[in-house]
Amino acid sequence: EMMDKPMTAAVEDFVHAGYDLNAE
């Protein structure tokens, strides 16, 4: 699966999955 930066920011704020918010 692939997620772009706007999506990772949205889900990280929601579930705190540990995603890299600096990644594109």
PDBML (XML) file of the C-alpha atoms, coordinates in Angstrom:
<?xml version="1.0" encoding="UTF-8" ?>
<PDBx:datablock datablockName="MODEL"
   xmlns:PDBx="http://pdbml.pdb.org/schema/pdbx-v50.xsd"
   xmlns:xsi="http://www.w3.org/2001/XMLSchema-instance"
   xsi:schemaLocation="http://pdbml.pdb.org/schema/pdbx-v50.xsd pdbx-v50.xsd">
   <PDBx:atom_siteCategory>
      <PDBx:atom_site id="1">
         <PDBx:B_iso_or_equiv>0.00</PDBx:B_iso_or_equiv>
         <PDBx:Cartn_x>0.000</PDBx:Cartn_x>
         <PDBx:Cartn_y>0.000</PDBx:Cartn_y>
         <PDBx:Cartn_z>0.000</PDBx:Cartn_z>
         <PDBx:auth_asym_id>A</PDBx:auth_asym_id>
         <PDBx:auth_atom_id>CA</PDBx:auth_atom_id>
         <PDBx:auth_comp_id>GLU</PDBx:auth_comp_id>
         <PDBx:auth_seq_id>1</PDBx:auth_seq_id>
         <PDBx:group_PDB>ATOM</PDBx:group_PDB>
         <PDBx:label_alt_id xsi:nil="true" />
         <PDBx:label_asym_id>A</PDBx:label_asym_id>
         <PDBx:label_atom_id>CA</PDBx:label_atom_id>
         <PDBx:label_comp_id>GLU</PDBx:label_comp_id>
         <PDBx:label_entity_id>1</PDBx:label_entity_id>
         <PDBx:label_seq_id>1</PDBx:label_seq_id>
         <PDBx:occupancy>1.00</PDBx:occupancy>
         <PDBx:pdbx_PDB_model_num>1</PDBx:pdbx_PDB_model_num>
         <PDBx:type_symbol>C</PDBx:type_symbol>
      </PDBx:atom_site>
      <PDBx:atom_site id="2">
         <PDBx:B_iso_or_equiv>0.00</PDBx:B_iso_or_equiv>
         <PDBx:Cartn_x>1.005</PDBx:Cartn_x>
         <PDBx:Cartn_y>3.603</PDBx:Cartn_y>
         <PDBx:Cartn_z>-0.604</PDBx:Cartn_z>
         <PDBx:auth_asym_id>A</PDBx:auth_asym_id>
         <PDBx:auth_atom_id>CA</PDBx:auth_atom_id>
         <PDBx:auth_comp_id>MET</PDBx:auth_comp_id>
         <PDBx:auth_seq_id>2</PDBx:auth_seq_id>
         <PDBx:group_PDB>ATOM</PDBx:group_PDB>
         <PDBx:label_alt_id xsi:nil="true" />
         <PDBx:label_asym_id>A</PDBx:label_asym_id>
         <PDBx:label_atom_id>CA</PDBx:label_atom_id>
         <PDBx:label_comp_id>MET</PDBx:label_comp_id>
         <PDBx:label_entity_id>1</PDBx:label_entity_id>
         <PDBx:label_seq_id>2</PDBx:label_seq_id>
         <PDBx:occupancy>1.00</PDBx:occupancy>
         <PDBx:pdbx_PDB_model_num>1</PDBx:pdbx_PDB_model_num>
         <PDBx:type_symbol>C</PDBx:type_symbol>
      </PDBx:atom_site>
      <PDBx:atom_site id="3">
         <PDBx:B_iso_or_equiv>0.00</PDBx:B_iso_or_equiv>
         <PDBx:Cartn_x>-0.063</PDBx:Cartn_x>
         <PDBx:Cartn_y>6.877</PDBx:Cartn_y>
         <PDBx:Cartn_z>1.054</PDBx:Cartn_z>
         <PDBx:auth_asym_id>A</PDBx:auth_asym_id>
         <PDBx:auth_atom_id>CA</PDBx:auth_atom_id>
         <PDBx:auth_comp_id>MET</PDBx:auth_comp_id>
         <PDBx:auth_seq_id>3</PDBx:auth_seq_id>
         <PDBx:group_PDB>ATOM</PDBx:group_PDB>
         <PDBx:label_alt_id xsi:nil="true" />
         <PDBx:label_asym_id>A</PDBx:label_asym_id>
         <PDBx:label_atom_id>CA</PDBx:label_atom_id>
         <PDBx:label_comp_id>MET</PDBx:label_comp_id>
         <PDBx:label_entity_id>1</PDBx:label_entity_id>
         <PDBx:label_seq_id>3</PDBx:label_seq_id>
         <PDBx:occupancy>1.00</PDBx:occupancy>
         <PDBx:pdbx_PDB_model_num>1</PDBx:pdbx_PDB_model_num>
         <PDBx:type_symbol>C</PDBx:type_symbol>
      </PDBx:atom_site>
      <PDBx:atom_site id="4">
         <PDBx:B_iso_or_equiv>0.00</PDBx:B_iso_or_equiv>
         <PDBx:Cartn_x>0.993</PDBx:Cartn_x>
         <PDBx:Cartn_y>10.405</PDBx:Cartn_y>
         <PDBx:Cartn_z>0.192</PDBx:Cartn_z>
         <PDBx:auth_asym_id>A</PDBx:auth_asym_id>
         <PDBx:auth_atom_id>CA</PDBx:auth_atom_id>
         <PDBx:auth_comp_id>ASP</PDBx:auth_comp_id>
         <PDBx:auth_seq_id>4</PDBx:auth_seq_id>
         <PDBx:group_PDB>ATOM</PDBx:group_PDB>
         <PDBx:label_alt_id xsi:nil="true" />
         <PDBx:label_asym_id>A</PDBx:label_asym_id>
         <PDBx:label_atom_id>CA</PDBx:label_atom_id>
         <PDBx:label_comp_id>ASP</PDBx:label_comp_id>
         <PDBx:label_entity_id>1</PDBx:label_entity_id>
         <PDBx:label_seq_id>4</PDBx:label_seq_id>
         <PDBx:occupancy>1.00</PDBx:occupancy>
         <PDBx:pdbx_PDB_model_num>1</PDBx:pdbx_PDB_model_num>
         <PDBx:type_symbol>C</PDBx:type_symbol>
      </PDBx:atom_site>
      <PDBx:atom_site id="5">
         <PDBx:B_iso_or_equiv>0.00</PDBx:B_iso_or_equiv>
         <PDBx:Cartn_x>1.958</PDBx:Cartn_x>
         <PDBx:Cartn_y>13.105</PDBx:Cartn_y>
         <PDBx:Cartn_z>2.686</PDBx:Cartn_z>
         <PDBx:auth_asym_id>A</PDBx:auth_asym_id>
         <PDBx:auth_atom_id>CA</PDBx:auth_atom_id>
         <PDBx:auth_comp_id>LYS</PDBx:auth_comp_id>
         <PDBx:auth_seq_id>5</PDBx:auth_seq_id>
         <PDBx:group_PDB>ATOM</PDBx:group_PDB>
         <PDBx:label_alt_id xsi:nil="true" />
         <PDBx:label_asym_id>A</PDBx:label_asym_id>
         <PDBx:label_atom_id>CA</PDBx:label_atom_id>
         <PDBx:label_comp_id>LYS</PDBx:label_comp_id>
         <PDBx:label_entity_id>1</PDBx:label_entity_id>
         <PDBx:label_seq_id>5</PDBx:label_seq_id>
         <PDBx:occupancy>1.00</PDBx:occupancy>
         <PDBx:pdbx_PDB_model_num>1</PDBx:pdbx_PDB_model_num>
         <PDBx:type_symbol>C</PDBx:type_symbol>
      </PDBx:atom_site>
      <PDBx:atom_site id="6">
         <PDBx:B_iso_or_equiv>0.00</PDBx:B_iso_or_equiv>
         <PDBx:Cartn_x>-1.510</PDBx:Cartn_x>
         <PDBx:Cartn_y>14.688</PDBx:Cartn_y>
         <PDBx:Cartn_z>3.140</PDBx:Cartn_z>
         <PDBx:auth_asym_id>A</PDBx:auth_asym_id>
         <PDBx:auth_atom_id>CA</PDBx:auth_atom_id>
         <PDBx:auth_comp_id>PRO</PDBx:auth_comp_id>
         <PDBx:auth_seq_id>6</PDBx:auth_seq_id>
         <PDBx:group_PDB>ATOM</PDBx:group_PDB>
         <PDBx:label_alt_id xsi:nil="true" />
         <PDBx:label_asym_id>A</PDBx:label_asym_id>
         <PDBx:label_atom_id>CA</PDBx:label_atom_id>
         <PDBx:label_comp_id>PRO</PDBx:label_comp_id>
         <PDBx:label_entity_id>1</PDBx:label_entity_id>
         <PDBx:label_seq_id>6</PDBx:label_seq_id>
         <PDBx:occupancy>1.00</PDBx:occupancy>
         <PDBx:pdbx_PDB_model_num>1</PDBx:pdbx_PDB_model_num>
         <PDBx:type_symbol>C</PDBx:type_symbol>
      </PDBx:atom_site>
      <PDBx:atom_site id="7">
         <PDBx:B_iso_or_equiv>0.00</PDBx:B_iso_or_equiv>
         <PDBx:Cartn_x>-3.025</PDBx:Cartn_x>
         <PDBx:Cartn_y>11.291</PDBx:Cartn_y>
         <PDBx:Cartn_z>3.847</PDBx:Cartn_z>
         <PDBx:auth_asym_id>A</PDBx:auth_asym_id>
         <PDBx:auth_atom_id>CA</PDBx:auth_atom_id>
         <PDBx:auth_comp_id>MET</PDBx:auth_comp_id>
         <PDBx:auth_seq_id>7</PDBx:auth_seq_id>
         <PDBx:group_PDB>ATOM</PDBx:group_PDB>
         <PDBx:label_alt_id xsi:nil="true" />
         <PDBx:label_asym_id>A</PDBx:label_asym_id>
         <PDBx:label_atom_id>CA</PDBx:label_atom_id>
         <PDBx:label_comp_id>MET</PDBx:label_comp_id>
         <PDBx:label_entity_id>1</PDBx:label_entity_id>
         <PDBx:label_seq_id>7</PDBx:label_seq_id>
         <PDBx:occupancy>1.00</PDBx:occupancy>
         <PDBx:pdbx_PDB_model_num>1</PDBx:pdbx_PDB_model_num>
         <PDBx:type_symbol>C</PDBx:type_symbol>
      </PDBx:atom_site>
      <PDBx:atom_site id="8">
         <PDBx:B_iso_or_equiv>0.00</PDBx:B_iso_or_equiv>
         <PDBx:Cartn_x>-0.359</PDBx:Cartn_x>
         <PDBx:Cartn_y>10.202</PDBx:Cartn_y>
         <PDBx:Cartn_z>6.325</PDBx:Cartn_z>
         <PDBx:auth_asym_id>A</PDBx:auth_asym_id>
         <PDBx:auth_atom_id>CA</PDBx:auth_atom_id>
         <PDBx:auth_comp_id>THR</PDBx:auth_comp_id>
         <PDBx:auth_seq_id>8</PDBx:auth_seq_id>
         <PDBx:group_PDB>ATOM</PDBx:group_PDB>
         <PDBx:label_alt_id xsi:nil="true" />
         <PDBx:label_asym_id>A</PDBx:label_asym_id>
         <PDBx:label_atom_id>CA</PDBx:label_atom_id>
         <PDBx:label_comp_id>THR</PDBx:label_comp_id>
         <PDBx:label_entity_id>1</PDBx:label_entity_id>
         <PDBx:label_seq_id>8</PDBx:label_seq_id>
         <PDBx:occupancy>1.00</PDBx:occupancy>
         <PDBx:pdbx_PDB_model_num>1</PDBx:pdbx_PDB_model_num>
         <PDBx:type_symbol>C</PDBx:type_symbol>
      </PDBx:atom_site>
      <PDBx:atom_site id="9">
         <PDBx:B_iso_or_equiv>0.00</PDBx:B_iso_or_equiv>
         <PDBx:Cartn_x>-0.829</PDBx:Cartn_x>
         <PDBx:Cartn_y>13.487</PDBx:Cartn_y>
         <PDBx:Cartn_z>8.192</PDBx:Cartn_z>
         <PDBx:auth_asym_id>A</PDBx:auth_asym_id>
         <PDBx:auth_atom_id>CA</PDBx:auth_atom_id>
         <PDBx:auth_comp_id>ALA</PDBx:auth_comp_id>
         <PDBx:auth_seq_id>9</PDBx:auth_seq_id>
         <PDBx:group_PDB>ATOM</PDBx:group_PDB>
         <PDBx:label_alt_id xsi:nil="true" />
         <PDBx:label_asym_id>A</PDBx:label_asym_id>
         <PDBx:label_atom_id>CA</PDBx:label_atom_id>
         <PDBx:label_comp_id>ALA</PDBx:label_comp_id>
         <PDBx:label_entity_id>1</PDBx:label_entity_id>
         <PDBx:label_seq_id>9</PDBx:label_seq_id>
         <PDBx:occupancy>1.00</PDBx:occupancy>
         <PDBx:pdbx_PDB_model_num>1</PDBx:pdbx_PDB_model_num>
         <PDBx:type_symbol>C</PDBx:type_symbol>
      </PDBx:atom_site>
      <PDBx:atom_site id="10">
         <PDBx:B_iso_or_equiv>0.00</PDBx:B_iso_or_equiv>
         <PDBx:Cartn_x>-4.589</PDBx:Cartn_x>
         <PDBx:Cartn_y>12.934</PDBx:Cartn_y>
         <PDBx:Cartn_z>8.382</PDBx:Cartn_z>
         <PDBx:auth_asym_id>A</PDBx:auth_asym_id>
         <PDBx:auth_atom_id>CA</PDBx:auth_atom_id>
         <PDBx:auth_comp_id>ALA</PDBx:auth_comp_id>
         <PDBx:auth_seq_id>10</PDBx:auth_seq_id>
         <PDBx:group_PDB>ATOM</PDBx:group_PDB>
         <PDBx:label_alt_id xsi:nil="true" />
         <PDBx:label_asym_id>A</PDBx:label_asym_id>
         <PDBx:label_atom_id>CA</PDBx:label_atom_id>
         <PDBx:label_comp_id>ALA</PDBx:label_comp_id>
         <PDBx:label_entity_id>1</PDBx:label_entity_id>
         <PDBx:label_seq_id>10</PDBx:label_seq_id>
         <PDBx:occupancy>1.00</PDBx:occupancy>
         <PDBx:pdbx_PDB_model_num>1</PDBx:pdbx_PDB_model_num>
         <PDBx:type_symbol>C</PDBx:type_symbol>
      </PDBx:atom_site>
      <PDBx:atom_site id="11">
         <PDBx:B_iso_or_equiv>0.00</PDBx:B_iso_or_equiv>
         <PDBx:Cartn_x>-4.397</PDBx:Cartn_x>
         <PDBx:Cartn_y>9.348</PDBx:Cartn_y>
         <PDBx:Cartn_z>9.637</PDBx:Cartn_z>
         <PDBx:auth_asym_id>A</PDBx:auth_asym_id>
         <PDBx:auth_atom_id>CA</PDBx:auth_atom_id>
         <PDBx:auth_comp_id>VAL</PDBx:auth_comp_id>
         <PDBx:auth_seq_id>11</PDBx:auth_seq_id>
         <PDBx:group_PDB>ATOM</PDBx:group_PDB>
         <PDBx:label_alt_id xsi:nil="true" />
         <PDBx:label_asym_id>A</PDBx:label_asym_id>
         <PDBx:label_atom_id>CA</PDBx:label_atom_id>
         <PDBx:label_comp_id>VAL</PDBx:label_comp_id>
         <PDBx:label_entity_id>1</PDBx:label_entity_id>
         <PDBx:label_seq_id>11</PDBx:label_seq_id>
         <PDBx:occupancy>1.00</PDBx:occupancy>
         <PDBx:pdbx_PDB_model_num>1</PDBx:pdbx_PDB_model_num>
         <PDBx:type_symbol>C</PDBx:type_symbol>
      </PDBx:atom_site>
      <PDBx:atom_site id="12">
         <PDBx:B_iso_or_equiv>0.00</PDBx:B_iso_or_equiv>
         <PDBx:Cartn_x>-1.501</PDBx:Cartn_x>
         <PDBx:Cartn_y>9.946</PDBx:Cartn_y>
         <PDBx:Cartn_z>12.025</PDBx:Cartn_z>
         <PDBx:auth_asym_id>A</PDBx:auth_asym_id>
         <PDBx:auth_atom_id>CA</PDBx:auth_atom_id>
         <PDBx:auth_comp_id>GLU</PDBx:auth_comp_id>
         <PDBx:auth_seq_id>12</PDBx:auth_seq_id>
         <PDBx:group_PDB>ATOM</PDBx:group_PDB>
         <PDBx:label_alt_id xsi:nil="true" />
         <PDBx:label_asym_id>A</PDBx:label_asym_id>
         <PDBx:label_atom_id>CA</PDBx:label_atom_id>
         <PDBx:label_comp_id>GLU</PDBx:label_comp_id>
         <PDBx:label_entity_id>1</PDBx:label_entity_id>
         <PDBx:label_seq_id>12</PDBx:label_seq_id>
         <PDBx:occupancy>1.00</PDBx:occupancy>
         <PDBx:pdbx_PDB_model_num>1</PDBx:pdbx_PDB_model_num>
         <PDBx:type_symbol>C</PDBx:type_symbol>
      </PDBx:atom_site>
      <PDBx:atom_site id="13">
         <PDBx:B_iso_or_equiv>0.00</PDBx:B_iso_or_equiv>
         <PDBx:Cartn_x>-3.500</PDBx:Cartn_x>
         <PDBx:Cartn_y>12.646</PDBx:Cartn_y>
         <PDBx:Cartn_z>13.789</PDBx:Cartn_z>
         <PDBx:auth_asym_id>A</PDBx:auth_asym_id>
         <PDBx:auth_atom_id>CA</PDBx:auth_atom_id>
         <PDBx:auth_comp_id>ASP</PDBx:auth_comp_id>
         <PDBx:auth_seq_id>13</PDBx:auth_seq_id>
         <PDBx:group_PDB>ATOM</PDBx:group_PDB>
         <PDBx:label_alt_id xsi:nil="true" />
         <PDBx:label_asym_id>A</PDBx:label_asym_id>
         <PDBx:label_atom_id>CA</PDBx:label_atom_id>
         <PDBx:label_comp_id>ASP</PDBx:label_comp_id>
         <PDBx:label_entity_id>1</PDBx:label_entity_id>
         <PDBx:label_seq_id>13</PDBx:label_seq_id>
         <PDBx:occupancy>1.00</PDBx:occupancy>
         <PDBx:pdbx_PDB_model_num>1</PDBx:pdbx_PDB_model_num>
         <PDBx:type_symbol>C</PDBx:type_symbol>
      </PDBx:atom_site>
      <PDBx:atom_site id="14">
         <PDBx:B_iso_or_equiv>0.00</PDBx:B_iso_or_equiv>
         <PDBx:Cartn_x>-6.416</PDBx:Cartn_x>
         <PDBx:Cartn_y>10.200</PDBx:Cartn_y>
         <PDBx:Cartn_z>14.002</PDBx:Cartn_z>
         <PDBx:auth_asym_id>A</PDBx:auth_asym_id>
         <PDBx:auth_atom_id>CA</PDBx:auth_atom_id>
         <PDBx:auth_comp_id>PHE</PDBx:auth_comp_id>
         <PDBx:auth_seq_id>14</PDBx:auth_seq_id>
         <PDBx:group_PDB>ATOM</PDBx:group_PDB>
         <PDBx:label_alt_id xsi:nil="true" />
         <PDBx:label_asym_id>A</PDBx:label_asym_id>
         <PDBx:label_atom_id>CA</PDBx:label_atom_id>
         <PDBx:label_comp_id>PHE</PDBx:label_comp_id>
         <PDBx:label_entity_id>1</PDBx:label_entity_id>
         <PDBx:label_seq_id>14</PDBx:label_seq_id>
         <PDBx:occupancy>1.00</PDBx:occupancy>
         <PDBx:pdbx_PDB_model_num>1</PDBx:pdbx_PDB_model_num>
         <PDBx:type_symbol>C</PDBx:type_symbol>
      </PDBx:atom_site>
      <PDBx:atom_site id="15">
         <PDBx:B_iso_or_equiv>0.00</PDBx:B_iso_or_equiv>
         <PDBx:Cartn_x>-4.893</PDBx:Cartn_x>
         <PDBx:Cartn_y>6.837</PDBx:Cartn_y>
         <PDBx:Cartn_z>15.039</PDBx:Cartn_z>
         <PDBx:auth_asym_id>A</PDBx:auth_asym_id>
         <PDBx:auth_atom_id>CA</PDBx:auth_atom_id>
         <PDBx:auth_comp_id>VAL</PDBx:auth_comp_id>
         <PDBx:auth_seq_id>15</PDBx:auth_seq_id>
         <PDBx:group_PDB>ATOM</PDBx:group_PDB>
         <PDBx:label_alt_id xsi:nil="true" />
         <PDBx:label_asym_id>A</PDBx:label_asym_id>
         <PDBx:label_atom_id>CA</PDBx:label_atom_id>
         <PDBx:label_comp_id>VAL</PDBx:label_comp_id>
         <PDBx:label_entity_id>1</PDBx:label_entity_id>
         <PDBx:label_seq_id>15</PDBx:label_seq_id>
         <PDBx:occupancy>1.00</PDBx:occupancy>
         <PDBx:pdbx_PDB_model_num>1</PDBx:pdbx_PDB_model_num>
         <PDBx:type_symbol>C</PDBx:type_symbol>
      </PDBx:atom_site>
      <PDBx:atom_site id="16">
         <PDBx:B_iso_or_equiv>0.00</PDBx:B_iso_or_equiv>
         <PDBx:Cartn_x>-1.248</PDBx:Cartn_x>
         <PDBx:Cartn_y>7.624</PDBx:Cartn_y>
         <PDBx:Cartn_z>15.923</PDBx:Cartn_z>
         <PDBx:auth_asym_id>A</PDBx:auth_asym_id>
         <PDBx:auth_atom_id>CA</PDBx:auth_atom_id>
         <PDBx:auth_comp_id>HIS</PDBx:auth_comp_id>
         <PDBx:auth_seq_id>16</PDBx:auth_seq_id>
         <PDBx:group_PDB>ATOM</PDBx:group_PDB>
         <PDBx:label_alt_id xsi:nil="true" />
         <PDBx:label_asym_id>A</PDBx:label_asym_id>
         <PDBx:label_atom_id>CA</PDBx:label_atom_id>
         <PDBx:label_comp_id>HIS</PDBx:label_comp_id>
         <PDBx:label_entity_id>1</PDBx:label_entity_id>
         <PDBx:label_seq_id>16</PDBx:label_seq_id>
         <PDBx:occupancy>1.00</PDBx:occupancy>
         <PDBx:pdbx_PDB_model_num>1</PDBx:pdbx_PDB_model_num>
         <PDBx:type_symbol>C</PDBx:type_symbol>
      </PDBx:atom_site>
      <PDBx:atom_site id="17">
         <PDBx:B_iso_or_equiv>0.00</PDBx:B_iso_or_equiv>
         <PDBx:Cartn_x>0.149</PDBx:Cartn_x>
         <PDBx:Cartn_y>4.763</PDBx:Cartn_y>
         <PDBx:Cartn_z>13.857</PDBx:Cartn_z>
         <PDBx:auth_asym_id>A</PDBx:auth_asym_id>
         <PDBx:auth_atom_id>CA</PDBx:auth_atom_id>
         <PDBx:auth_comp_id>ALA</PDBx:auth_comp_id>
         <PDBx:auth_seq_id>17</PDBx:auth_seq_id>
         <PDBx:group_PDB>ATOM</PDBx:group_PDB>
         <PDBx:label_alt_id xsi:nil="true" />
         <PDBx:label_asym_id>A</PDBx:label_asym_id>
         <PDBx:label_atom_id>CA</PDBx:label_atom_id>
         <PDBx:label_comp_id>ALA</PDBx:label_comp_id>
         <PDBx:label_entity_id>1</PDBx:label_entity_id>
         <PDBx:label_seq_id>17</PDBx:label_seq_id>
         <PDBx:occupancy>1.00</PDBx:occupancy>
         <PDBx:pdbx_PDB_model_num>1</PDBx:pdbx_PDB_model_num>
         <PDBx:type_symbol>C</PDBx:type_symbol>
      </PDBx:atom_site>
      <PDBx:atom_site id="18">
         <PDBx:B_iso_or_equiv>0.00</PDBx:B_iso_or_equiv>
         <PDBx:Cartn_x>3.732</PDBx:Cartn_x>
         <PDBx:Cartn_y>6.038</PDBx:Cartn_y>
         <PDBx:Cartn_z>14.036</PDBx:Cartn_z>
         <PDBx:auth_asym_id>A</PDBx:auth_asym_id>
         <PDBx:auth_atom_id>CA</PDBx:auth_atom_id>
         <PDBx:auth_comp_id>GLY</PDBx:auth_comp_id>
         <PDBx:auth_seq_id>18</PDBx:auth_seq_id>
         <PDBx:group_PDB>ATOM</PDBx:group_PDB>
         <PDBx:label_alt_id xsi:nil="true" />
         <PDBx:label_asym_id>A</PDBx:label_asym_id>
         <PDBx:label_atom_id>CA</PDBx:label_atom_id>
         <PDBx:label_comp_id>GLY</PDBx:label_comp_id>
         <PDBx:label_entity_id>1</PDBx:label_entity_id>
         <PDBx:label_seq_id>18</PDBx:label_seq_id>
         <PDBx:occupancy>1.00</PDBx:occupancy>
         <PDBx:pdbx_PDB_model_num>1</PDBx:pdbx_PDB_model_num>
         <PDBx:type_symbol>C</PDBx:type_symbol>
      </PDBx:atom_site>
      <PDBx:atom_site id="19">
         <PDBx:B_iso_or_equiv>0.00</PDBx:B_iso_or_equiv>
         <PDBx:Cartn_x>3.929</PDBx:Cartn_x>
         <PDBx:Cartn_y>7.296</PDBx:Cartn_y>
         <PDBx:Cartn_z>10.449</PDBx:Cartn_z>
         <PDBx:auth_asym_id>A</PDBx:auth_asym_id>
         <PDBx:auth_atom_id>CA</PDBx:auth_atom_id>
         <PDBx:auth_comp_id>TYR</PDBx:auth_comp_id>
         <PDBx:auth_seq_id>19</PDBx:auth_seq_id>
         <PDBx:group_PDB>ATOM</PDBx:group_PDB>
         <PDBx:label_alt_id xsi:nil="true" />
         <PDBx:label_asym_id>A</PDBx:label_asym_id>
         <PDBx:label_atom_id>CA</PDBx:label_atom_id>
         <PDBx:label_comp_id>TYR</PDBx:label_comp_id>
         <PDBx:label_entity_id>1</PDBx:label_entity_id>
         <PDBx:label_seq_id>19</PDBx:label_seq_id>
         <PDBx:occupancy>1.00</PDBx:occupancy>
         <PDBx:pdbx_PDB_model_num>1</PDBx:pdbx_PDB_model_num>
         <PDBx:type_symbol>C</PDBx:type_symbol>
      </PDBx:atom_site>
      <PDBx:atom_site id="20">
         <PDBx:B_iso_or_equiv>0.00</PDBx:B_iso_or_equiv>
         <PDBx:Cartn_x>6.791</PDBx:Cartn_x>
         <PDBx:Cartn_y>9.468</PDBx:Cartn_y>
         <PDBx:Cartn_z>9.208</PDBx:Cartn_z>
         <PDBx:auth_asym_id>A</PDBx:auth_asym_id>
         <PDBx:auth_atom_id>CA</PDBx:auth_atom_id>
         <PDBx:auth_comp_id>ASP</PDBx:auth_comp_id>
         <PDBx:auth_seq_id>20</PDBx:auth_seq_id>
         <PDBx:group_PDB>ATOM</PDBx:group_PDB>
         <PDBx:label_alt_id xsi:nil="true" />
         <PDBx:label_asym_id>A</PDBx:label_asym_id>
         <PDBx:label_atom_id>CA</PDBx:label_atom_id>
         <PDBx:label_comp_id>ASP</PDBx:label_comp_id>
         <PDBx:label_entity_id>1</PDBx:label_entity_id>
         <PDBx:label_seq_id>20</PDBx:label_seq_id>
         <PDBx:occupancy>1.00</PDBx:occupancy>
         <PDBx:pdbx_PDB_model_num>1</PDBx:pdbx_PDB_model_num>
         <PDBx:type_symbol>C</PDBx:type_symbol>
      </PDBx:atom_site>
      <PDBx:atom_site id="21">
         <PDBx:B_iso_or_equiv>0.00</PDBx:B_iso_or_equiv>
         <PDBx:Cartn_x>5.199</PDBx:Cartn_x>
         <PDBx:Cartn_y>12.883</PDBx:Cartn_y>
         <PDBx:Cartn_z>8.743</PDBx:Cartn_z>
         <PDBx:auth_asym_id>A</PDBx:auth_asym_id>
         <PDBx:auth_atom_id>CA</PDBx:auth_atom_id>
         <PDBx:auth_comp_id>LEU</PDBx:auth_comp_id>
         <PDBx:auth_seq_id>21</PDBx:auth_seq_id>
         <PDBx:group_PDB>ATOM</PDBx:group_PDB>
         <PDBx:label_alt_id xsi:nil="true" />
         <PDBx:label_asym_id>A</PDBx:label_asym_id>
         <PDBx:label_atom_id>CA</PDBx:label_atom_id>
         <PDBx:label_comp_id>LEU</PDBx:label_comp_id>
         <PDBx:label_entity_id>1</PDBx:label_entity_id>
         <PDBx:label_seq_id>21</PDBx:label_seq_id>
         <PDBx:occupancy>1.00</PDBx:occupancy>
         <PDBx:pdbx_PDB_model_num>1</PDBx:pdbx_PDB_model_num>
         <PDBx:type_symbol>C</PDBx:type_symbol>
      </PDBx:atom_site>
      <PDBx:atom_site id="22">
         <PDBx:B_iso_or_equiv>0.00</PDBx:B_iso_or_equiv>
         <PDBx:Cartn_x>8.251</PDBx:Cartn_x>
         <PDBx:Cartn_y>14.237</PDBx:Cartn_y>
         <PDBx:Cartn_z>6.899</PDBx:Cartn_z>
         <PDBx:auth_asym_id>A</PDBx:auth_asym_id>
         <PDBx:auth_atom_id>CA</PDBx:auth_atom_id>
         <PDBx:auth_comp_id>ASN</PDBx:auth_comp_id>
         <PDBx:auth_seq_id>22</PDBx:auth_seq_id>
         <PDBx:group_PDB>ATOM</PDBx:group_PDB>
         <PDBx:label_alt_id xsi:nil="true" />
         <PDBx:label_asym_id>A</PDBx:label_asym_id>
         <PDBx:label_atom_id>CA</PDBx:label_atom_id>
         <PDBx:label_comp_id>ASN</PDBx:label_comp_id>
         <PDBx:label_entity_id>1</PDBx:label_entity_id>
         <PDBx:label_seq_id>22</PDBx:label_seq_id>
         <PDBx:occupancy>1.00</PDBx:occupancy>
         <PDBx:pdbx_PDB_model_num>1</PDBx:pdbx_PDB_model_num>
         <PDBx:type_symbol>C</PDBx:type_symbol>
      </PDBx:atom_site>
      <PDBx:atom_site id="23">
         <PDBx:B_iso_or_equiv>0.00</PDBx:B_iso_or_equiv>
         <PDBx:Cartn_x>7.960</PDBx:Cartn_x>
         <PDBx:Cartn_y>11.669</PDBx:Cartn_y>
         <PDBx:Cartn_z>4.108</PDBx:Cartn_z>
         <PDBx:auth_asym_id>A</PDBx:auth_asym_id>
         <PDBx:auth_atom_id>CA</PDBx:auth_atom_id>
         <PDBx:auth_comp_id>ALA</PDBx:auth_comp_id>
         <PDBx:auth_seq_id>23</PDBx:auth_seq_id>
         <PDBx:group_PDB>ATOM</PDBx:group_PDB>
         <PDBx:label_alt_id xsi:nil="true" />
         <PDBx:label_asym_id>A</PDBx:label_asym_id>
         <PDBx:label_atom_id>CA</PDBx:label_atom_id>
         <PDBx:label_comp_id>ALA</PDBx:label_comp_id>
         <PDBx:label_entity_id>1</PDBx:label_entity_id>
         <PDBx:label_seq_id>23</PDBx:label_seq_id>
         <PDBx:occupancy>1.00</PDBx:occupancy>
         <PDBx:pdbx_PDB_model_num>1</PDBx:pdbx_PDB_model_num>
         <PDBx:type_symbol>C</PDBx:type_symbol>
      </PDBx:atom_site>
      <PDBx:atom_site id="24">
         <PDBx:B_iso_or_equiv>0.00</PDBx:B_iso_or_equiv>
         <PDBx:Cartn_x>6.396</PDBx:Cartn_x>
         <PDBx:Cartn_y>12.658</PDBx:Cartn_y>
         <PDBx:Cartn_z>0.794</PDBx:Cartn_z>
         <PDBx:auth_asym_id>A</PDBx:auth_asym_id>
         <PDBx:auth_atom_id>CA</PDBx:auth_atom_id>
         <PDBx:auth_comp_id>GLU</PDBx:auth_comp_id>
         <PDBx:auth_seq_id>24</PDBx:auth_seq_id>
         <PDBx:group_PDB>ATOM</PDBx:group_PDB>
         <PDBx:label_alt_id xsi:nil="true" />
         <PDBx:label_asym_id>A</PDBx:label_asym_id>
         <PDBx:label_atom_id>CA</PDBx:label_atom_id>
         <PDBx:label_comp_id>GLU</PDBx:label_comp_id>
         <PDBx:label_entity_id>1</PDBx:label_entity_id>
         <PDBx:label_seq_id>24</PDBx:label_seq_id>
         <PDBx:occupancy>1.00</PDBx:occupancy>
         <PDBx:pdbx_PDB_model_num>1</PDBx:pdbx_PDB_model_num>
         <PDBx:type_symbol>C</PDBx:type_symbol>
      </PDBx:atom_site>
   </PDBx:atom_siteCategory>
</PDBx:datablock>
